[in-house]
Amino acid sequence: MNPPEKIVRSATVHWDGDVARGHGTIATESGKVQTDYSFGTRFSGDPGTNPEELLGAAHAACFTMALSAVLTRAGHPPASLDSKALVHLDKDGPGFSISGIELSTRGVVPGISDADFQKYAADAKDSCPLSKALKAVPVSLKATLAT
């Protein structure tokens, strides 16, 4: 199966009110993600989501799909891959910035050495489209091959 040459995806956001007491909604084009967000969901742990959580989900998903592709092309299709992204949001003067993203993955990949798994995981981290888009942010990787 060959993907199209160009794909455009969308998400929409609506916000009501000031930043401290306001609230918003986030929706994806597919309709699979529709959720609320606010100052409290971003900074105080209130129920709902936040941009960093969504970024982490997107990055972990992109990386995991890229790792599956790299492993499959190398002749080692994975039985399973489980990944996580920790997105660090730090105070930066009057605002905030994303100071880093920690990716971790655990793979069940029959017939592969740990050294090869580490190499393929690093290749996937560098080649995933979201990693490429986030080059201004340090991204670390911890890859664990399940035995």
N, C-alpha and C. Protein backbone atom coordinates (compact mmCIF):
# COMPACT_ATOMS: atom_id res chain seq x y z
N MET A 1 0.84 -1.17 0.00
CA MET A 1 0.00 0.00 0.00
C MET A 1 0.89 1.25 0.00
N ASN A 2 0.68 2.12 -0.95
CA ASN A 2 1.45 3.36 -1.06
C ASN A 2 0.61 4.54 -0.59
N PRO A 3 1.13 5.30 0.37
CA PRO A 3 0.39 6.49 0.83
C PRO A 3 0.43 7.59 -0.24
N PRO A 4 -0.54 8.52 -0.18
CA PRO A 4 -0.51 9.63 -1.13
C PRO A 4 0.72 10.51 -0.91
N GLU A 5 1.05 11.30 -1.91
CA GLU A 5 2.22 12.17 -1.85
C GLU A 5 2.06 13.28 -0.82
N LYS A 6 0.85 13.80 -0.65
CA LYS A 6 0.62 14.89 0.28
C LYS A 6 -0.68 14.65 1.04
N ILE A 7 -0.62 14.86 2.35
CA ILE A 7 -1.79 14.68 3.21
C ILE A 7 -1.91 15.92 4.08
N VAL A 8 -3.11 16.42 4.24
CA VAL A 8 -3.37 17.54 5.13
C VAL A 8 -4.41 17.09 6.15
N ARG A 9 -4.08 17.22 7.42
CA ARG A 9 -4.99 16.85 8.52
C ARG A 9 -5.35 18.12 9.27
N SER A 10 -6.49 18.09 9.98
CA SER A 10 -6.87 19.31 10.69
C SER A 10 -7.44 19.01 12.07
N ALA A 11 -7.35 20.01 12.90
CA ALA A 11 -7.99 20.03 14.21
C ALA A 11 -8.51 21.43 14.41
N THR A 12 -9.60 21.55 15.16
CA THR A 12 -10.16 22.86 15.44
C THR A 12 -10.24 23.09 16.94
N VAL A 13 -10.17 24.34 17.31
CA VAL A 13 -10.23 24.74 18.71
C VAL A 13 -11.18 25.92 18.84
N HIS A 14 -11.98 25.90 19.90
CA HIS A 14 -12.83 27.04 20.25
C HIS A 14 -12.51 27.42 21.68
N TRP A 15 -12.40 28.69 21.96
CA TRP A 15 -12.09 29.19 23.31
C TRP A 15 -13.09 30.26 23.70
N ASP A 16 -13.55 30.23 24.95
CA ASP A 16 -14.43 31.26 25.51
C ASP A 16 -13.78 31.84 26.75
N GLY A 17 -13.70 33.17 26.84
CA GLY A 17 -13.27 33.83 28.06
C GLY A 17 -11.79 34.14 28.14
N ASP A 18 -11.42 34.67 29.31
CA ASP A 18 -10.01 35.01 29.53
C ASP A 18 -9.21 33.75 29.82
N VAL A 19 -7.90 33.89 29.82
CA VAL A 19 -7.04 32.71 29.94
C VAL A 19 -7.18 32.01 31.28
N ALA A 20 -7.36 32.74 32.35
CA ALA A 20 -7.39 32.12 33.69
C ALA A 20 -8.71 31.43 33.99
N ARG A 21 -9.82 31.99 33.53
CA ARG A 21 -11.13 31.42 33.87
C ARG A 21 -11.86 30.85 32.67
N GLY A 22 -11.31 31.04 31.49
CA GLY A 22 -11.96 30.56 30.28
C GLY A 22 -11.79 29.07 30.09
N HIS A 23 -12.34 28.60 29.01
CA HIS A 23 -12.23 27.17 28.68
C HIS A 23 -12.41 27.02 27.18
N GLY A 24 -11.94 25.90 26.69
CA GLY A 24 -12.03 25.66 25.25
C GLY A 24 -12.34 24.21 24.95
N THR A 25 -12.56 23.97 23.68
CA THR A 25 -12.76 22.60 23.18
C THR A 25 -11.82 22.36 22.02
N ILE A 26 -11.39 21.13 21.92
CA ILE A 26 -10.49 20.68 20.85
C ILE A 26 -11.20 19.55 20.12
N ALA A 27 -11.19 19.59 18.80
CA ALA A 27 -11.79 18.52 18.01
C ALA A 27 -10.89 18.21 16.81
N THR A 28 -10.75 16.94 16.52
CA THR A 28 -9.98 16.53 15.34
C THR A 28 -10.92 16.30 14.17
N GLU A 29 -10.35 16.41 12.99
CA GLU A 29 -11.09 16.22 11.75
C GLU A 29 -11.84 14.89 11.72
N SER A 30 -11.21 13.84 12.23
CA SER A 30 -11.83 12.51 12.21
C SER A 30 -13.00 12.39 13.16
N GLY A 31 -13.08 13.29 14.12
CA GLY A 31 -14.12 13.20 15.14
C GLY A 31 -13.78 12.26 16.28
N LYS A 32 -12.63 11.63 16.22
CA LYS A 32 -12.23 10.67 17.25
C LYS A 32 -11.76 11.34 18.53
N VAL A 33 -11.30 12.59 18.42
CA VAL A 33 -10.89 13.33 19.61
C VAL A 33 -11.75 14.58 19.71
N GLN A 34 -12.51 14.65 20.78
CA GLN A 34 -13.30 15.83 21.11
C GLN A 34 -13.21 15.98 22.61
N THR A 35 -12.54 17.04 23.07
CA THR A 35 -12.29 17.16 24.49
C THR A 35 -12.21 18.62 24.92
N ASP A 36 -12.32 18.83 26.21
CA ASP A 36 -12.23 20.16 26.79
C ASP A 36 -10.81 20.43 27.27
N TYR A 37 -10.48 21.72 27.32
CA TYR A 37 -9.22 22.13 27.93
C TYR A 37 -9.37 23.52 28.51
N SER A 38 -8.47 23.83 29.45
CA SER A 38 -8.53 25.11 30.14
C SER A 38 -7.20 25.38 30.81
N PHE A 39 -7.09 26.53 31.45
CA PHE A 39 -5.91 26.83 32.24
C PHE A 39 -5.71 25.74 33.29
N GLY A 40 -6.80 25.32 33.93
CA GLY A 40 -6.73 24.30 34.97
C GLY A 40 -6.29 22.94 34.47
N THR A 41 -6.71 22.56 33.25
CA THR A 41 -6.28 21.25 32.73
C THR A 41 -4.82 21.28 32.31
N ARG A 42 -4.33 22.47 32.02
CA ARG A 42 -2.94 22.60 31.60
C ARG A 42 -1.99 22.76 32.78
N PHE A 43 -2.42 23.48 33.81
CA PHE A 43 -1.49 23.83 34.88
C PHE A 43 -1.88 23.30 36.26
N SER A 44 -3.10 22.81 36.45
CA SER A 44 -3.53 22.41 37.79
C SER A 44 -4.05 20.98 37.90
N GLY A 45 -4.02 20.23 36.83
CA GLY A 45 -4.47 18.84 36.90
C GLY A 45 -5.98 18.66 36.89
N ASP A 46 -6.72 19.70 36.48
CA ASP A 46 -8.17 19.56 36.37
C ASP A 46 -8.51 18.54 35.27
N PRO A 47 -9.70 17.95 35.32
CA PRO A 47 -10.09 16.99 34.28
C PRO A 47 -10.12 17.65 32.90
N GLY A 48 -9.66 16.96 31.92
CA GLY A 48 -9.58 17.46 30.55
C GLY A 48 -8.18 17.22 30.01
N THR A 49 -7.92 17.75 28.86
CA THR A 49 -6.61 17.54 28.25
C THR A 49 -5.86 18.87 28.18
N ASN A 50 -4.71 18.84 27.52
CA ASN A 50 -3.90 20.03 27.33
C ASN A 50 -3.03 19.84 26.10
N PRO A 51 -2.49 20.93 25.55
CA PRO A 51 -1.70 20.81 24.33
C PRO A 51 -0.49 19.89 24.47
N GLU A 52 0.16 19.89 25.62
CA GLU A 52 1.36 19.06 25.79
C GLU A 52 1.02 17.57 25.79
N GLU A 53 -0.09 17.22 26.43
CA GLU A 53 -0.55 15.83 26.44
C GLU A 53 -0.87 15.36 25.01
N LEU A 54 -1.53 16.21 24.24
CA LEU A 54 -1.86 15.86 22.86
C LEU A 54 -0.61 15.76 22.00
N LEU A 55 0.35 16.66 22.23
CA LEU A 55 1.62 16.60 21.52
C LEU A 55 2.34 15.29 21.84
N GLY A 56 2.36 14.93 23.12
CA GLY A 56 3.00 13.68 23.52
C GLY A 56 2.34 12.47 22.89
N ALA A 57 1.02 12.45 22.86
CA ALA A 57 0.30 11.33 22.24
C ALA A 57 0.63 11.24 20.75
N ALA A 58 0.63 12.39 20.08
CA ALA A 58 0.94 12.41 18.66
C ALA A 58 2.37 11.96 18.40
N HIS A 59 3.32 12.43 19.20
CA HIS A 59 4.72 12.08 18.99
C HIS A 59 4.95 10.60 19.26
N ALA A 60 4.39 10.08 20.35
CA ALA A 60 4.55 8.65 20.65
C ALA A 60 3.94 7.79 19.55
N ALA A 61 2.78 8.19 19.04
CA ALA A 61 2.14 7.43 17.97
C ALA A 61 2.96 7.46 16.69
N CYS A 62 3.46 8.63 16.33
CA CYS A 62 4.27 8.78 15.12
C CYS A 62 5.55 7.95 15.22
N PHE A 63 6.24 8.08 16.36
CA PHE A 63 7.48 7.32 16.58
C PHE A 63 7.22 5.81 16.52
N THR A 64 6.16 5.36 17.16
CA THR A 64 5.88 3.92 17.21
C THR A 64 5.58 3.37 15.83
N MET A 65 4.82 4.11 15.04
CA MET A 65 4.54 3.68 13.68
C MET A 65 5.82 3.66 12.84
N ALA A 66 6.67 4.67 13.03
CA ALA A 66 7.95 4.72 12.31
C ALA A 66 8.83 3.54 12.72
N LEU A 67 8.86 3.21 14.01
CA LEU A 67 9.67 2.09 14.47
C LEU A 67 9.16 0.79 13.87
N SER A 68 7.85 0.61 13.82
CA SER A 68 7.29 -0.59 13.20
C SER A 68 7.72 -0.69 11.74
N ALA A 69 7.70 0.44 11.04
CA ALA A 69 8.10 0.45 9.63
C ALA A 69 9.57 0.12 9.47
N VAL A 70 10.42 0.74 10.29
CA VAL A 70 11.87 0.49 10.21
C VAL A 70 12.17 -0.98 10.49
N LEU A 71 11.57 -1.51 11.54
CA LEU A 71 11.79 -2.92 11.90
C LEU A 71 11.29 -3.86 10.79
N THR A 72 10.12 -3.58 10.25
CA THR A 72 9.54 -4.43 9.21
C THR A 72 10.41 -4.42 7.96
N ARG A 73 10.87 -3.22 7.56
CA ARG A 73 11.75 -3.13 6.38
C ARG A 73 13.06 -3.88 6.60
N ALA A 74 13.51 -3.97 7.85
CA ALA A 74 14.76 -4.67 8.16
C ALA A 74 14.55 -6.17 8.32
N GLY A 75 13.32 -6.64 8.13
CA GLY A 75 13.05 -8.07 8.23
C GLY A 75 12.71 -8.53 9.63
N HIS A 76 12.38 -7.61 10.53
CA HIS A 76 12.04 -7.94 11.92
C HIS A 76 10.71 -7.30 12.32
N PRO A 77 9.60 -7.74 11.71
CA PRO A 77 8.33 -7.12 12.09
C PRO A 77 8.05 -7.34 13.57
N PRO A 78 7.66 -6.30 14.29
CA PRO A 78 7.44 -6.45 15.73
C PRO A 78 6.16 -7.21 16.04
N ALA A 79 6.20 -7.97 17.13
CA ALA A 79 4.97 -8.57 17.64
C ALA A 79 4.16 -7.49 18.34
N SER A 80 4.84 -6.60 19.08
CA SER A 80 4.17 -5.47 19.72
C SER A 80 5.18 -4.40 20.10
N LEU A 81 4.69 -3.18 20.16
CA LEU A 81 5.48 -2.02 20.59
C LEU A 81 4.60 -1.18 21.51
N ASP A 82 5.12 -0.77 22.64
CA ASP A 82 4.42 0.11 23.57
C ASP A 82 5.31 1.30 23.85
N SER A 83 4.81 2.50 23.56
CA SER A 83 5.62 3.70 23.69
C SER A 83 4.92 4.74 24.55
N LYS A 84 5.74 5.64 25.08
CA LYS A 84 5.24 6.73 25.92
C LYS A 84 6.08 7.96 25.62
N ALA A 85 5.46 9.14 25.72
CA ALA A 85 6.18 10.40 25.57
C ALA A 85 5.91 11.27 26.79
N LEU A 86 6.97 11.76 27.39
CA LEU A 86 6.86 12.73 28.48
C LEU A 86 7.25 14.09 27.91
N VAL A 87 6.32 15.03 27.92
CA VAL A 87 6.57 16.36 27.39
C VAL A 87 6.78 17.31 28.56
N HIS A 88 7.94 17.96 28.59
CA HIS A 88 8.31 18.85 29.69
C HIS A 88 7.95 20.29 29.34
N LEU A 89 7.07 20.89 30.13
CA LEU A 89 6.67 22.29 29.97
C LEU A 89 7.25 23.06 31.15
N ASP A 90 8.14 24.00 30.87
CA ASP A 90 8.85 24.72 31.91
C ASP A 90 8.59 26.22 31.82
N LYS A 91 8.56 26.86 32.98
CA LYS A 91 8.46 28.32 33.05
C LYS A 91 9.68 28.90 32.35
N ASP A 92 9.44 29.89 31.50
CA ASP A 92 10.49 30.49 30.69
C ASP A 92 10.27 32.00 30.68
N GLY A 93 10.78 32.69 31.69
CA GLY A 93 10.52 34.13 31.80
C GLY A 93 9.04 34.34 32.08
N PRO A 94 8.40 35.21 31.31
CA PRO A 94 6.98 35.47 31.55
C PRO A 94 6.06 34.37 31.00
N GLY A 95 6.59 33.47 30.20
CA GLY A 95 5.78 32.42 29.58
C GLY A 95 6.29 31.04 29.90
N PHE A 96 6.03 30.12 29.01
CA PHE A 96 6.44 28.72 29.15
C PHE A 96 7.04 28.24 27.85
N SER A 97 7.85 27.20 27.94
CA SER A 97 8.38 26.56 26.74
C SER A 97 8.50 25.07 26.97
N ILE A 98 8.48 24.34 25.88
CA ILE A 98 8.71 22.89 25.95
C ILE A 98 10.22 22.69 25.91
N SER A 99 10.74 22.18 27.01
CA SER A 99 12.20 22.04 27.14
C SER A 99 12.72 20.68 26.70
N GLY A 100 11.84 19.74 26.51
CA GLY A 100 12.29 18.43 26.07
C GLY A 100 11.15 17.43 26.01
N ILE A 101 11.40 16.37 25.28
CA ILE A 101 10.46 15.26 25.19
C ILE A 101 11.25 13.98 25.41
N GLU A 102 10.78 13.16 26.32
CA GLU A 102 11.39 11.85 26.58
C GLU A 102 10.50 10.77 25.97
N LEU A 103 11.01 10.10 24.94
CA LEU A 103 10.31 8.96 24.37
C LEU A 103 10.85 7.69 25.03
N SER A 104 9.96 6.77 25.31
CA SER A 104 10.39 5.44 25.74
C SER A 104 9.54 4.43 25.00
N THR A 105 10.14 3.30 24.73
CA THR A 105 9.42 2.25 24.02
C THR A 105 9.88 0.89 24.52
N ARG A 106 8.97 -0.05 24.48
CA ARG A 106 9.27 -1.44 24.83
C ARG A 106 8.77 -2.28 23.66
N GLY A 107 9.66 -3.07 23.10
CA GLY A 107 9.29 -3.86 21.93
C GLY A 107 9.43 -5.35 22.14
N VAL A 108 8.47 -6.07 21.64
CA VAL A 108 8.57 -7.52 21.52
C VAL A 108 8.84 -7.78 20.04
N VAL A 109 10.10 -8.13 19.75
CA VAL A 109 10.53 -8.26 18.36
C VAL A 109 11.33 -9.56 18.25
N PRO A 110 10.72 -10.60 17.75
CA PRO A 110 11.42 -11.89 17.65
C PRO A 110 12.65 -11.82 16.73
N GLY A 111 13.71 -12.50 17.17
CA GLY A 111 14.88 -12.69 16.34
C GLY A 111 15.75 -11.47 16.12
N ILE A 112 15.74 -10.51 17.02
CA ILE A 112 16.56 -9.32 16.85
C ILE A 112 17.45 -9.15 18.07
N SER A 113 18.65 -8.63 17.86
CA SER A 113 19.54 -8.35 18.98
C SER A 113 19.18 -7.01 19.61
N ASP A 114 19.58 -6.82 20.87
CA ASP A 114 19.31 -5.54 21.52
C ASP A 114 20.04 -4.42 20.80
N ALA A 115 21.25 -4.67 20.34
CA ALA A 115 22.01 -3.63 19.63
C ALA A 115 21.27 -3.19 18.37
N ASP A 116 20.73 -4.13 17.61
CA ASP A 116 19.98 -3.78 16.41
C ASP A 116 18.70 -3.03 16.77
N PHE A 117 18.02 -3.48 17.83
CA PHE A 117 16.80 -2.81 18.26
C PHE A 117 17.09 -1.36 18.63
N GLN A 118 18.19 -1.12 19.34
CA GLN A 118 18.58 0.24 19.71
C GLN A 118 18.83 1.09 18.47
N LYS A 119 19.51 0.52 17.49
CA LYS A 119 19.81 1.24 16.25
C LYS A 119 18.53 1.58 15.50
N TYR A 120 17.63 0.62 15.37
CA TYR A 120 16.38 0.86 14.66
C TYR A 120 15.50 1.87 15.40
N ALA A 121 15.49 1.81 16.73
CA ALA A 121 14.70 2.76 17.51
C ALA A 121 15.24 4.18 17.32
N ALA A 122 16.56 4.33 17.33
CA ALA A 122 17.16 5.65 17.11
C ALA A 122 16.85 6.16 15.71
N ASP A 123 16.90 5.27 14.71
CA ASP A 123 16.55 5.66 13.34
C ASP A 123 15.09 6.13 13.28
N ALA A 124 14.19 5.41 13.95
CA ALA A 124 12.77 5.78 13.95
C ALA A 124 12.56 7.13 14.64
N LYS A 125 13.27 7.36 15.74
CA LYS A 125 13.15 8.65 16.44
C LYS A 125 13.54 9.79 15.52
N ASP A 126 14.60 9.61 14.75
CA ASP A 126 15.08 10.67 13.87
C ASP A 126 14.23 10.83 12.61
N SER A 127 13.59 9.74 12.15
CA SER A 127 12.88 9.79 10.88
C SER A 127 11.38 10.05 11.01
N CYS A 128 10.83 9.94 12.20
CA CYS A 128 9.39 10.17 12.36
C CYS A 128 9.08 11.63 12.04
N PRO A 129 8.02 11.90 11.27
CA PRO A 129 7.71 13.28 10.88
C PRO A 129 7.55 14.25 12.05
N LEU A 130 7.00 13.80 13.17
CA LEU A 130 6.87 14.72 14.30
C LEU A 130 8.22 15.03 14.92
N SER A 131 9.14 14.07 14.97
CA SER A 131 10.49 14.37 15.45
C SER A 131 11.15 15.41 14.56
N LYS A 132 10.95 15.26 13.27
CA LYS A 132 11.53 16.24 12.33
C LYS A 132 10.94 17.62 12.57
N ALA A 133 9.63 17.70 12.82
CA ALA A 133 8.97 18.98 13.05
C ALA A 133 9.39 19.61 14.37
N LEU A 134 9.81 18.79 15.32
CA LEU A 134 10.14 19.27 16.66
C LEU A 134 11.65 19.39 16.89
N LYS A 135 12.42 19.61 15.85
CA LYS A 135 13.88 19.65 15.98
C LYS A 135 14.39 20.70 16.97
N ALA A 136 13.59 21.71 17.27
CA ALA A 136 14.03 22.74 18.22
C ALA A 136 13.97 22.24 19.66
N VAL A 137 13.37 21.08 19.88
CA VAL A 137 13.19 20.53 21.23
C VAL A 137 14.08 19.29 21.38
N PRO A 138 14.88 19.20 22.44
CA PRO A 138 15.66 17.99 22.67
C PRO A 138 14.72 16.80 22.91
N VAL A 139 14.96 15.71 22.17
CA VAL A 139 14.17 14.49 22.33
C VAL A 139 15.11 13.37 22.72
N SER A 140 14.84 12.75 23.87
CA SER A 140 15.64 11.61 24.29
C SER A 140 14.85 10.34 24.05
N LEU A 141 15.54 9.20 24.06
CA LEU A 141 14.90 7.92 23.78
C LEU A 141 15.46 6.86 24.71
N LYS A 142 14.57 6.07 25.29
CA LYS A 142 14.95 4.87 26.02
C LYS A 142 14.21 3.72 25.37
N ALA A 143 14.93 2.78 24.78
CA ALA A 143 14.33 1.64 24.10
C ALA A 143 14.66 0.35 24.84
N THR A 144 13.64 -0.42 25.13
CA THR A 144 13.81 -1.68 25.85
C THR A 144 13.29 -2.81 24.99
N LEU A 145 14.13 -3.78 24.72
CA LEU A 145 13.73 -4.97 23.99
C LEU A 145 13.31 -6.01 25.00
N ALA A 146 12.07 -6.45 24.92
CA ALA A 146 11.56 -7.46 25.84
C ALA A 146 12.15 -8.83 25.48
N THR A 147 12.48 -9.58 26.49
CA THR A 147 13.04 -10.92 26.24
C THR A 147 12.11 -11.99 26.72
